[in-house]
C-alpha atoms as a PDB file:
ATOM      1  CA  UNK A   1    -111.458 -14.767  54.364  1.00  0.00           C
ATOM      2  CA  UNK A   2    -109.179 -14.835  51.246  1.00  0.00           C
ATOM      3  CA  UNK A   3    -107.816 -11.373  50.601  1.00  0.00           C
ATOM      4  CA  UNK A   4    -106.274 -12.290  47.252  1.00  0.00           C
ATOM      5  CA  UNK A   5    -107.641 -14.200  44.320  1.00  0.00           C
ATOM      6  CA  UNK A   6    -105.616 -17.390  43.804  1.00  0.00           C
ATOM      7  CA  UNK A   7    -105.274 -16.650  40.086  1.00  0.00           C
ATOM      8  CA  UNK A   8    -103.571 -13.324  40.804  1.00  0.00           C
ATOM      9  CA  UNK A   9    -101.093 -14.712  43.319  1.00  0.00           C
ATOM     10  CA  UNK A  10     -97.409 -14.768  42.335  1.00  0.00           C
ATOM     11  CA  UNK A  11     -96.396 -18.430  42.436  1.00  0.00           C
ATOM     12  CA  UNK A  12     -93.135 -20.330  42.064  1.00  0.00           C
ATOM     13  CA  UNK A  13     -94.314 -21.260  38.580  1.00  0.00           C
ATOM     14  CA  UNK A  14     -94.506 -17.592  37.547  1.00  0.00           C
ATOM     15  CA  UNK A  15     -91.124 -16.811  39.084  1.00  0.00           C
ATOM     16  CA  UNK A  16     -89.477 -19.708  37.248  1.00  0.00           C
ATOM     17  CA  UNK A  17     -91.065 -18.594  33.963  1.00  0.00           C
ATOM     18  CA  UNK A  18     -89.712 -15.049  34.432  1.00  0.00           C
ATOM     19  CA  UNK A  19     -86.229 -16.349  35.178  1.00  0.00           C
ATOM     20  CA  UNK A  20     -86.270 -18.537  32.068  1.00  0.00           C
ATOM     21  CA  UNK A  21     -87.361 -15.556  29.961  1.00  0.00           C
ATOM     22  CA  UNK A  22     -84.569 -13.390  31.392  1.00  0.00           C
ATOM     23  CA  UNK A  23     -82.023 -16.061  30.533  1.00  0.00           C
ATOM     24  CA  UNK A  24     -82.995 -15.799  26.865  1.00  0.00           C
ATOM     25  CA  UNK A  25     -82.297 -12.029  26.713  1.00  0.00           C
ATOM     26  CA  UNK A  26     -78.707 -11.381  25.532  1.00  0.00           C
ATOM     27  CA  UNK A  27     -76.366  -9.472  27.833  1.00  0.00           C
ATOM     28  CA  UNK A  28     -75.455  -5.904  26.835  1.00  0.00           C
ATOM     29  CA  UNK A  29     -78.355  -5.699  24.380  1.00  0.00           C
ATOM     30  CA  UNK A  30     -78.735  -1.970  25.068  1.00  0.00           C
ATOM     31  CA  UNK A  31     -76.131   0.680  25.811  1.00  0.00           C
ATOM     32  CA  UNK A  32     -77.051   3.809  27.783  1.00  0.00           C
ATOM     33  CA  UNK A  33     -75.021   6.986  27.404  1.00  0.00           C
ATOM     34  CA  UNK A  34     -73.823   8.133  30.852  1.00  0.00           C
ATOM     35  CA  UNK A  35     -73.940  11.786  29.746  1.00  0.00           C
ATOM     36  CA  UNK A  36     -77.233  12.357  27.898  1.00  0.00           C
ATOM     37  CA  UNK A  37     -78.886   9.051  28.924  1.00  0.00           C
ATOM     38  CA  UNK A  38     -79.768   8.132  25.343  1.00  0.00           C
ATOM     39  CA  UNK A  39     -80.318   4.383  25.027  1.00  0.00           C
ATOM     40  CA  UNK A  40     -79.169   2.682  21.838  1.00  0.00           C
ATOM     41  CA  UNK A  41     -78.956  -0.892  20.612  1.00  0.00           C
ATOM     42  CA  UNK A  42     -75.383  -1.987  21.233  1.00  0.00           C
ATOM     43  CA  UNK A  43     -75.201  -3.579  17.776  1.00  0.00           C
ATOM     44  CA  UNK A  44     -76.096  -0.225  16.215  1.00  0.00           C
ATOM     45  CA  UNK A  45     -72.918   1.418  17.540  1.00  0.00           C
ATOM     46  CA  UNK A  46     -70.276   1.716  14.840  1.00  0.00           C
ATOM     47  CA  UNK A  47     -66.522   1.174  15.148  1.00  0.00           C
ATOM     48  CA  UNK A  48     -66.087   4.516  16.924  1.00  0.00           C
ATOM     49  CA  UNK A  49     -68.403   3.514  19.796  1.00  0.00           C
ATOM     50  CA  UNK A  50     -69.897   6.983  20.284  1.00  0.00           C
ATOM     51  CA  UNK A  51     -73.307   8.156  21.430  1.00  0.00           C
ATOM     52  CA  UNK A  52     -75.389   9.116  18.364  1.00  0.00           C
ATOM     53  CA  UNK A  53     -76.969  11.997  20.298  1.00  0.00           C
ATOM     54  CA  UNK A  54     -74.149  13.782  22.150  1.00  0.00           C
ATOM     55  CA  UNK A  55     -71.052  12.085  20.623  1.00  0.00           C
ATOM     56  CA  UNK A  56     -69.724  10.939  24.005  1.00  0.00           C
ATOM     57  CA  UNK A  57     -67.074   8.289  23.406  1.00  0.00           C
ATOM     58  CA  UNK A  58     -67.749   5.078  25.288  1.00  0.00           C
ATOM     59  CA  UNK A  59     -64.702   3.545  26.938  1.00  0.00           C
ATOM     60  CA  UNK A  60     -62.865   1.272  24.513  1.00  0.00           C
ATOM     61  CA  UNK A  61     -59.667  -0.739  24.611  1.00  0.00           C
ATOM     62  CA  UNK A  62     -56.410   0.482  23.098  1.00  0.00           C
ATOM     63  CA  UNK A  63     -56.558  -2.128  20.334  1.00  0.00           C
ATOM     64  CA  UNK A  64     -60.130  -1.155  19.446  1.00  0.00           C
ATOM     65  CA  UNK A  65     -58.988   2.453  18.986  1.00  0.00           C
ATOM     66  CA  UNK A  66     -55.940   1.442  16.991  1.00  0.00           C
ATOM     67  CA  UNK A  67     -58.072  -0.276  14.317  1.00  0.00           C
ATOM     68  CA  UNK A  68     -59.487   2.978  12.937  1.00  0.00           C
ATOM     69  CA  UNK A  69     -56.870   5.480  14.074  1.00  0.00           C
ATOM     70  CA  UNK A  70     -53.735   4.749  12.016  1.00  0.00           C
ATOM     71  CA  UNK A  71     -52.651   3.285   8.694  1.00  0.00           C
ATOM     72  CA  UNK A  72     -49.691   1.349  10.091  1.00  0.00           C
ATOM     73  CA  UNK A  73     -48.389   0.473  13.570  1.00  0.00           C
ATOM     74  CA  UNK A  74     -45.286  -1.208  15.022  1.00  0.00           C
ATOM     75  CA  UNK A  75     -45.605  -2.105  18.709  1.00  0.00           C
ATOM     76  CA  UNK A  76     -42.830  -1.629  21.300  1.00  0.00           C
ATOM     77  CA  UNK A  77     -41.861  -3.212  24.620  1.00  0.00           C
ATOM     78  CA  UNK A  78     -44.226  -6.164  24.700  1.00  0.00           C
ATOM     79  CA  UNK A  79     -41.761  -8.108  26.870  1.00  0.00           C
ATOM     80  CA  UNK A  80     -41.818  -5.761  29.884  1.00  0.00           C
ATOM     81  CA  UNK A  81     -43.463  -7.253  32.976  1.00  0.00           C
ATOM     82  CA  UNK A  82     -44.078  -5.818  36.440  1.00  0.00           C
ATOM     83  CA  UNK A  83     -42.273  -7.495  39.303  1.00  0.00           C
ATOM     84  CA  UNK A  84     -45.197  -6.814  41.694  1.00  0.00           C
ATOM     85  CA  UNK A  85     -42.868  -4.720  43.887  1.00  0.00           C
ATOM     86  CA  UNK A  86     -45.048  -4.744  47.014  1.00  0.00           C
ATOM     87  CA  UNK A  87     -46.241  -8.357  46.665  1.00  0.00           C
ATOM     88  CA  UNK A  88     -49.734  -6.923  47.011  1.00  0.00           C
ATOM     89  CA  UNK A  89     -52.345  -9.642  47.800  1.00  0.00           C
ATOM     90  CA  UNK A  90     -54.226 -10.734  44.673  1.00  0.00           C
ATOM     91  CA  UNK A  91     -52.369  -8.289  42.420  1.00  0.00           C
ATOM     92  CA  UNK A  92     -50.619 -10.928  40.295  1.00  0.00           C
ATOM     93  CA  UNK A  93     -53.959 -12.566  39.528  1.00  0.00           C
ATOM     94  CA  UNK A  94     -55.535  -9.215  38.647  1.00  0.00           C
ATOM     95  CA  UNK A  95     -52.654  -8.417  36.299  1.00  0.00           C
ATOM     96  CA  UNK A  96     -52.887 -11.792  34.582  1.00  0.00           C
ATOM     97  CA  UNK A  97     -56.631 -11.363  34.053  1.00  0.00           C
ATOM     98  CA  UNK A  98     -56.179  -7.873  32.569  1.00  0.00           C
ATOM     99  CA  UNK A  99     -53.363  -9.063  30.316  1.00  0.00           C
ATOM    100  CA  UNK A 100     -55.442 -11.926  28.997  1.00  0.00           C
ATOM    101  CA  UNK A 101     -58.440  -9.693  28.325  1.00  0.00           C
ATOM    102  CA  UNK A 102     -56.602  -6.808  26.625  1.00  0.00           C
ATOM    103  CA  UNK A 103     -53.641  -8.636  25.034  1.00  0.00           C
ATOM    104  CA  UNK A 104     -51.385  -5.968  26.579  1.00  0.00           C
ATOM    105  CA  UNK A 105     -48.581  -6.375  29.110  1.00  0.00           C
ATOM    106  CA  UNK A 106     -49.770  -3.264  30.953  1.00  0.00           C
ATOM    107  CA  UNK A 107     -52.199  -0.348  30.690  1.00  0.00           C
ATOM    108  CA  UNK A 108     -50.661   1.387  27.669  1.00  0.00           C
ATOM    109  CA  UNK A 109     -50.005   0.398  24.063  1.00  0.00           C
ATOM    110  CA  UNK A 110     -46.917   2.081  22.568  1.00  0.00           C
ATOM    111  CA  UNK A 111     -45.139   2.045  19.238  1.00  0.00           C
ATOM    112  CA  UNK A 112     -44.466   3.866  15.992  1.00  0.00           C
ATOM    113  CA  UNK A 113     -47.418   4.711  13.766  1.00  0.00           C
ATOM    114  CA  UNK A 114     -48.122   6.219  10.360  1.00  0.00           C
ATOM    115  CA  UNK A 115     -51.089   8.326   9.261  1.00  0.00           C
ATOM    116  CA  UNK A 116     -51.021   9.387   5.600  1.00  0.00           C
ATOM    117  CA  UNK A 117     -47.222   8.997   5.406  1.00  0.00           C
ATOM    118  CA  UNK A 118     -46.704  11.018   8.609  1.00  0.00           C
ATOM    119  CA  UNK A 119     -44.632   8.916  11.037  1.00  0.00           C
ATOM    120  CA  UNK A 120     -44.852   9.497  14.808  1.00  0.00           C
ATOM    121  CA  UNK A 121     -44.614   7.880  18.234  1.00  0.00           C
ATOM    122  CA  UNK A 122     -48.007   6.707  19.503  1.00  0.00           C
ATOM    123  CA  UNK A 123     -49.209   5.781  22.980  1.00  0.00           C
ATOM    124  CA  UNK A 124     -52.763   4.702  23.832  1.00  0.00           C
ATOM    125  CA  UNK A 125     -53.718   4.168  27.460  1.00  0.00           C
ATOM    126  CA  UNK A 126     -56.305   1.433  27.986  1.00  0.00           C
ATOM    127  CA  UNK A 127     -59.168   2.095  30.461  1.00  0.00           C
ATOM    128  CA  UNK A 128     -60.071  -1.612  30.384  1.00  0.00           C
ATOM    129  CA  UNK A 129     -56.704  -2.562  31.925  1.00  0.00           C
ATOM    130  CA  UNK A 130     -57.198  -1.990  35.678  1.00  0.00           C
ATOM    131  CA  UNK A 131     -58.891   1.317  34.810  1.00  0.00           C
ATOM    132  CA  UNK A 132     -55.848   2.537  32.861  1.00  0.00           C
ATOM    133  CA  UNK A 133     -53.978   2.941  36.142  1.00  0.00           C
ATOM    134  CA  UNK A 134     -50.402   4.218  36.109  1.00  0.00           C
ATOM    135  CA  UNK A 135     -48.015   1.462  37.165  1.00  0.00           C
ATOM    136  CA  UNK A 136     -44.261   1.052  36.829  1.00  0.00           C
ATOM    137  CA  UNK A 137     -44.467  -0.675  33.452  1.00  0.00           C
ATOM    138  CA  UNK A 138     -46.980   1.892  32.168  1.00  0.00           C
ATOM    139  CA  UNK A 139     -44.557   4.663  33.103  1.00  0.00           C
ATOM    140  CA  UNK A 140     -41.577   2.805  31.668  1.00  0.00           C
ATOM    141  CA  UNK A 141     -43.325   2.206  28.336  1.00  0.00           C
ATOM    142  CA  UNK A 142     -44.371   5.846  27.988  1.00  0.00           C
ATOM    143  CA  UNK A 143     -40.881   7.017  28.986  1.00  0.00           C
ATOM    144  CA  UNK A 144     -39.305   4.777  26.352  1.00  0.00           C
ATOM    145  CA  UNK A 145     -41.829   6.051  23.810  1.00  0.00           C
ATOM    146  CA  UNK A 146     -40.621   9.612  24.336  1.00  0.00           C
ATOM    147  CA  UNK A 147     -36.957   8.604  24.441  1.00  0.00           C
ATOM    148  CA  UNK A 148     -37.175   6.714  21.141  1.00  0.00           C
ATOM    149  CA  UNK A 149     -39.143   9.536  19.554  1.00  0.00           C
ATOM    150  CA  UNK A 150     -36.542  12.061  20.718  1.00  0.00           C
ATOM    151  CA  UNK A 151     -33.710   9.976  19.224  1.00  0.00           C
ATOM    152  CA  UNK A 152     -35.585   9.562  15.931  1.00  0.00           C
ATOM    153  CA  UNK A 153     -36.837  13.182  15.834  1.00  0.00           C
ATOM    154  CA  UNK A 154     -40.470  12.096  15.826  1.00  0.00           C
ATOM    155  CA  UNK A 155     -43.567  13.837  17.212  1.00  0.00           C
ATOM    156  CA  UNK A 156     -45.570  11.996  19.869  1.00  0.00           C
ATOM    157  CA  UNK A 157     -49.329  11.504  20.132  1.00  0.00           C
ATOM    158  CA  UNK A 158     -50.591  10.150  23.450  1.00  0.00           C
ATOM    159  CA  UNK A 159     -54.184   9.150  24.216  1.00  0.00           C
ATOM    160  CA  UNK A 160     -54.722   9.298  27.977  1.00  0.00           C
ATOM    161  CA  UNK A 161     -57.287   7.294  29.947  1.00  0.00           C
ATOM    162  CA  UNK A 162     -56.641   6.608  33.604  1.00  0.00           C
ATOM    163  CA  UNK A 163     -58.069   6.397  37.072  1.00  0.00           C
ATOM    164  CA  UNK A 164     -54.716   7.550  38.450  1.00  0.00           C
ATOM    165  CA  UNK A 165     -51.719   5.918  40.105  1.00  0.00           C
ATOM    166  CA  UNK A 166     -51.940   2.167  40.732  1.00  0.00           C
ATOM    167  CA  UNK A 167     -52.345   1.614  44.461  1.00  0.00           C
ATOM    168  CA  UNK A 168     -50.891  -1.913  44.316  1.00  0.00           C
ATOM    169  CA  UNK A 169     -47.488  -0.452  43.426  1.00  0.00           C
ATOM    170  CA  UNK A 170     -47.445   2.383  45.968  1.00  0.00           C
ATOM    171  CA  UNK A 171     -44.699   4.990  45.698  1.00  0.00           C
ATOM    172  CA  UNK A 172     -43.181   3.232  42.665  1.00  0.00           C
ATOM    173  CA  UNK A 173     -46.337   4.146  40.762  1.00  0.00           C
ATOM    174  CA  UNK A 174     -46.169   7.799  41.831  1.00  0.00           C
ATOM    175  CA  UNK A 175     -42.527   8.019  40.728  1.00  0.00           C
ATOM    176  CA  UNK A 176     -43.637   7.408  37.122  1.00  0.00           C
ATOM    177  CA  UNK A 177     -45.129  10.909  37.018  1.00  0.00           C
ATOM    178  CA  UNK A 178     -41.694  12.509  37.405  1.00  0.00           C
ATOM    179  CA  UNK A 179     -39.962   9.971  35.161  1.00  0.00           C
ATOM    180  CA  UNK A 180     -42.329  10.477  32.238  1.00  0.00           C
ATOM    181  CA  UNK A 181     -42.334  14.255  32.750  1.00  0.00           C
ATOM    182  CA  UNK A 182     -38.535  14.312  32.445  1.00  0.00           C
ATOM    183  CA  UNK A 183     -38.720  12.396  29.161  1.00  0.00           C
ATOM    184  CA  UNK A 184     -41.405  14.793  27.897  1.00  0.00           C
ATOM    185  CA  UNK A 185     -39.135  17.738  28.767  1.00  0.00           C
ATOM    186  CA  UNK A 186     -36.171  16.300  26.840  1.00  0.00           C
ATOM    187  CA  UNK A 187     -38.453  15.672  23.855  1.00  0.00           C
ATOM    188  CA  UNK A 188     -39.681  19.286  24.022  1.00  0.00           C
ATOM    189  CA  UNK A 189     -36.145  20.671  24.255  1.00  0.00           C
ATOM    190  CA  UNK A 190     -35.443  19.109  20.864  1.00  0.00           C
ATOM    191  CA  UNK A 191     -38.290  21.176  19.410  1.00  0.00           C
ATOM    192  CA  UNK A 192     -40.509  18.139  18.787  1.00  0.00           C
ATOM    193  CA  UNK A 193     -44.314  18.157  18.822  1.00  0.00           C
ATOM    194  CA  UNK A 194     -46.316  16.452  21.586  1.00  0.00           C
ATOM    195  CA  UNK A 195     -50.089  16.100  21.117  1.00  0.00           C
ATOM    196  CA  UNK A 196     -52.290  14.834  23.963  1.00  0.00           C
ATOM    197  CA  UNK A 197     -55.798  13.488  23.423  1.00  0.00           C
ATOM    198  CA  UNK A 198     -57.733  13.308  26.704  1.00  0.00           C
ATOM    199  CA  UNK A 199     -60.343  10.544  26.790  1.00  0.00           C
ATOM    200  CA  UNK A 200     -62.841   9.447  29.415  1.00  0.00           C
ATOM    201  CA  UNK A 201     -61.645   9.304  32.139  1.00  0.00           C
ATOM    202  CA  UNK A 202     -58.313  11.102  32.579  1.00  0.00           C
ATOM    203  CA  UNK A 203     -57.766  11.644  36.288  1.00  0.00           C
ATOM    204  CA  UNK A 204     -55.309  11.453  39.168  1.00  0.00           C
ATOM    205  CA  UNK A 205     -51.560  11.447  38.703  1.00  0.00           C
ATOM    206  CA  UNK A 206     -51.828  11.195  34.914  1.00  0.00           C
ATOM    207  CA  UNK A 207     -53.701  14.500  34.815  1.00  0.00           C
ATOM    208  CA  UNK A 208     -51.213  15.942  37.301  1.00  0.00           C
ATOM    209  CA  UNK A 209     -48.286  15.174  34.995  1.00  0.00           C
ATOM    210  CA  UNK A 210     -47.891  14.189  31.351  1.00  0.00           C
ATOM    211  CA  UNK A 211     -51.578  14.529  30.357  1.00  0.00           C
ATOM    212  CA  UNK A 212     -51.278  18.306  30.809  1.00  0.00           C
ATOM    213  CA  UNK A 213     -47.806  18.785  29.318  1.00  0.00           C
ATOM    214  CA  UNK A 214     -48.624  18.599  25.612  1.00  0.00           C
ATOM    215  CA  UNK A 215     -47.976  21.343  23.088  1.00  0.00           C
ATOM    216  CA  UNK A 216     -51.517  20.775  21.833  1.00  0.00           C
ATOM    217  CA  UNK A 217     -54.224  19.335  24.084  1.00  0.00           C
ATOM    218  CA  UNK A 218     -57.319  17.789  22.522  1.00  0.00           C
ATOM    219  CA  UNK A 219     -60.201  16.023  24.236  1.00  0.00           C
ATOM    220  CA  UNK A 220     -63.149  13.843  23.286  1.00  0.00           C
ATOM    221  CA  UNK A 221     -66.689  15.178  23.858  1.00  0.00           C
ATOM    222  CA  UNK A 222     -67.867  14.995  27.491  1.00  0.00           C
ATOM    223  CA  UNK A 223     -64.692  13.247  28.669  1.00  0.00           C
ATOM    224  CA  UNK A 224     -64.203  13.315  32.436  1.00  0.00           C
ATOM    225  CA  UNK A 225     -60.959  15.193  33.142  1.00  0.00           C
ATOM    226  CA  UNK A 226     -59.686  16.098  36.579  1.00  0.00           C
ATOM    227  CA  UNK A 227     -57.368  15.294  39.445  1.00  0.00           C
ATOM    228  CA  UNK A 228     -59.499  14.280  42.431  1.00  0.00           C
ATOM    229  CA  UNK A 229     -62.937  12.705  42.140  1.00  0.00           C
ATOM    230  CA  UNK A 230     -66.203  14.507  42.829  1.00  0.00           C
ATOM    231  CA  UNK A 231     -66.664  12.923  46.270  1.00  0.00           C
ATOM    232  CA  UNK A 232     -63.161  13.899  47.425  1.00  0.00           C
ATOM    233  CA  UNK A 233     -63.591  17.487  46.191  1.00  0.00           C
ATOM    234  CA  UNK A 234     -66.968  17.901  47.867  1.00  0.00           C
ATOM    235  CA  UNK A 235     -65.761  16.420  51.153  1.00  0.00           C
ATOM    236  CA  UNK A 236     -62.730  18.704  51.124  1.00  0.00           C
ATOM    237  CA  UNK A 237     -64.637  21.882  50.209  1.00  0.00           C
ATOM    238  CA  UNK A 238     -67.786  20.962  52.163  1.00  0.00           C
ATOM    239  CA  UNK A 239     -69.959  22.042  49.272  1.00  0.00           C
ATOM    240  CA  UNK A 240     -71.472  20.624  46.114  1.00  0.00           C
ATOM    241  CA  UNK A 241     -69.683  21.224  42.822  1.00  0.00           C
ATOM    242  CA  UNK A 242     -71.361  21.764  39.418  1.00  0.00           C
ATOM    243  CA  UNK A 243     -72.295  18.516  37.693  1.00  0.00           C
ATOM    244  CA  UNK A 244     -70.242  19.442  34.626  1.00  0.00           C
ATOM    245  CA  UNK A 245     -67.198  20.827  36.451  1.00  0.00           C
ATOM    246  CA  UNK A 246     -64.879  18.106  35.131  1.00  0.00           C
ATOM    247  CA  UNK A 247     -66.370  17.760  31.637  1.00  0.00           C
ATOM    248  CA  UNK A 248     -64.155  18.500  28.637  1.00  0.00           C
ATOM    249  CA  UNK A 249     -66.509  21.294  27.581  1.00  0.00           C
ATOM    250  CA  UNK A 250     -66.000  23.128  30.887  1.00  0.00           C
ATOM    251  CA  UNK A 251     -62.224  22.753  30.627  1.00  0.00           C
ATOM    252  CA  UNK A 252     -62.325  24.102  27.069  1.00  0.00           C
ATOM    253  CA  UNK A 253     -64.240  27.201  28.182  1.00  0.00           C
ATOM    254  CA  UNK A 254     -61.589  27.880  30.840  1.00  0.00           C
ATOM    255  CA  UNK A 255     -58.590  27.377  28.569  1.00  0.00           C
ATOM    256  CA  UNK A 256     -57.345  24.028  29.900  1.00  0.00           C
ATOM    257  CA  UNK A 257     -57.649  22.315  26.510  1.00  0.00           C
ATOM    258  CA  UNK A 258     -57.348  23.570  22.949  1.00  0.00           C
ATOM    259  CA  UNK A 259     -60.109  21.748  21.118  1.00  0.00           C
ATOM    260  CA  UNK A 260     -62.756  19.049  21.468  1.00  0.00           C
ATOM    261  CA  UNK A 261     -62.622  16.500  18.655  1.00  0.00           C
ATOM    262  CA  UNK A 262     -65.100  13.733  17.904  1.00  0.00           C
ATOM    263  CA  UNK A 263     -63.630  10.281  17.364  1.00  0.00           C
ATOM    264  CA  UNK A 264     -64.799  10.270  13.778  1.00  0.00           C
ATOM    265  CA  UNK A 265     -62.580  13.316  13.128  1.00  0.00           C
ATOM    266  CA  UNK A 266     -59.518  12.339  15.175  1.00  0.00           C
ATOM    267  CA  UNK A 267     -57.518  10.682  12.413  1.00  0.00           C
ATOM    268  CA  UNK A 268     -57.937  13.620  10.048  1.00  0.00           C
ATOM    269  CA  UNK A 269     -57.202  16.141  12.814  1.00  0.00           C
ATOM    270  CA  UNK A 270     -54.017  14.333  13.844  1.00  0.00           C
ATOM    271  CA  UNK A 271     -52.888  14.027  10.233  1.00  0.00           C
ATOM    272  CA  UNK A 272     -53.170  17.818   9.817  1.00  0.00           C
ATOM    273  CA  UNK A 273     -51.398  18.543  13.113  1.00  0.00           C
ATOM    274  CA  UNK A 274     -48.561  16.129  12.342  1.00  0.00           C
ATOM    275  CA  UNK A 275     -48.089  17.654   8.906  1.00  0.00           C
ATOM    276  CA  UNK A 276     -48.362  21.326   9.805  1.00  0.00           C
ATOM    277  CA  UNK A 277     -48.128  21.562  13.600  1.00  0.00           C
ATOM    278  CA  UNK A 278     -44.506  20.548  13.988  1.00  0.00           C
END
């Protein structure tokens, strides 16, 4: 006895037709907000790459951000290259791939910028470069940014985005926390302004050091900000934590940051702070 009608049976012909149809659908046609779960056509997102419903800022490269952030930019330290201190297996290939994709030598873009005639040192960490991880060259570039800005009496604006210290560089990566912090301190002792803008995600050793040392701390809406990840916290405490514990809005309500600023307003906000905040 036939339990299924032949016409309703899934055949190789149907499977092949479905696969051919899938192949015609462009990749990344839709973008789903990880915070409010709004789905939007990717092509409908503007240059700021933000959710039209909750204004969450999708993760973008440093050069994407630079296009709408400043009026003029001069890049520094493009010749610095990591020596792969631990000769970590596969690390050189991973670095080369990230460098080719981002057109950066490491996970931060640094230089001197101008917004409405206000000149300042600018650093933008890139979450698309090995998750914005803090390596030796990242730390060196940020340190030099502060040192140059101190010499030239310039304020510094730093956009942070990082998954933490880069495991492939071991203790050398962790040492960058202290090195950058020392440069930040010398900059502060000269009475110069340091503005931090926390973007999604800012975690690990970056949060534990220079991301929390600014005179003024801004954040983008719904940015993930914290030290350890949710899983590590819950395993350590043996209890569940609130879903929004590490959201920028929670940190604002507890005094960890000064203001949440949408990307569309960042340039104007920075221009005012650079003009009047110093």
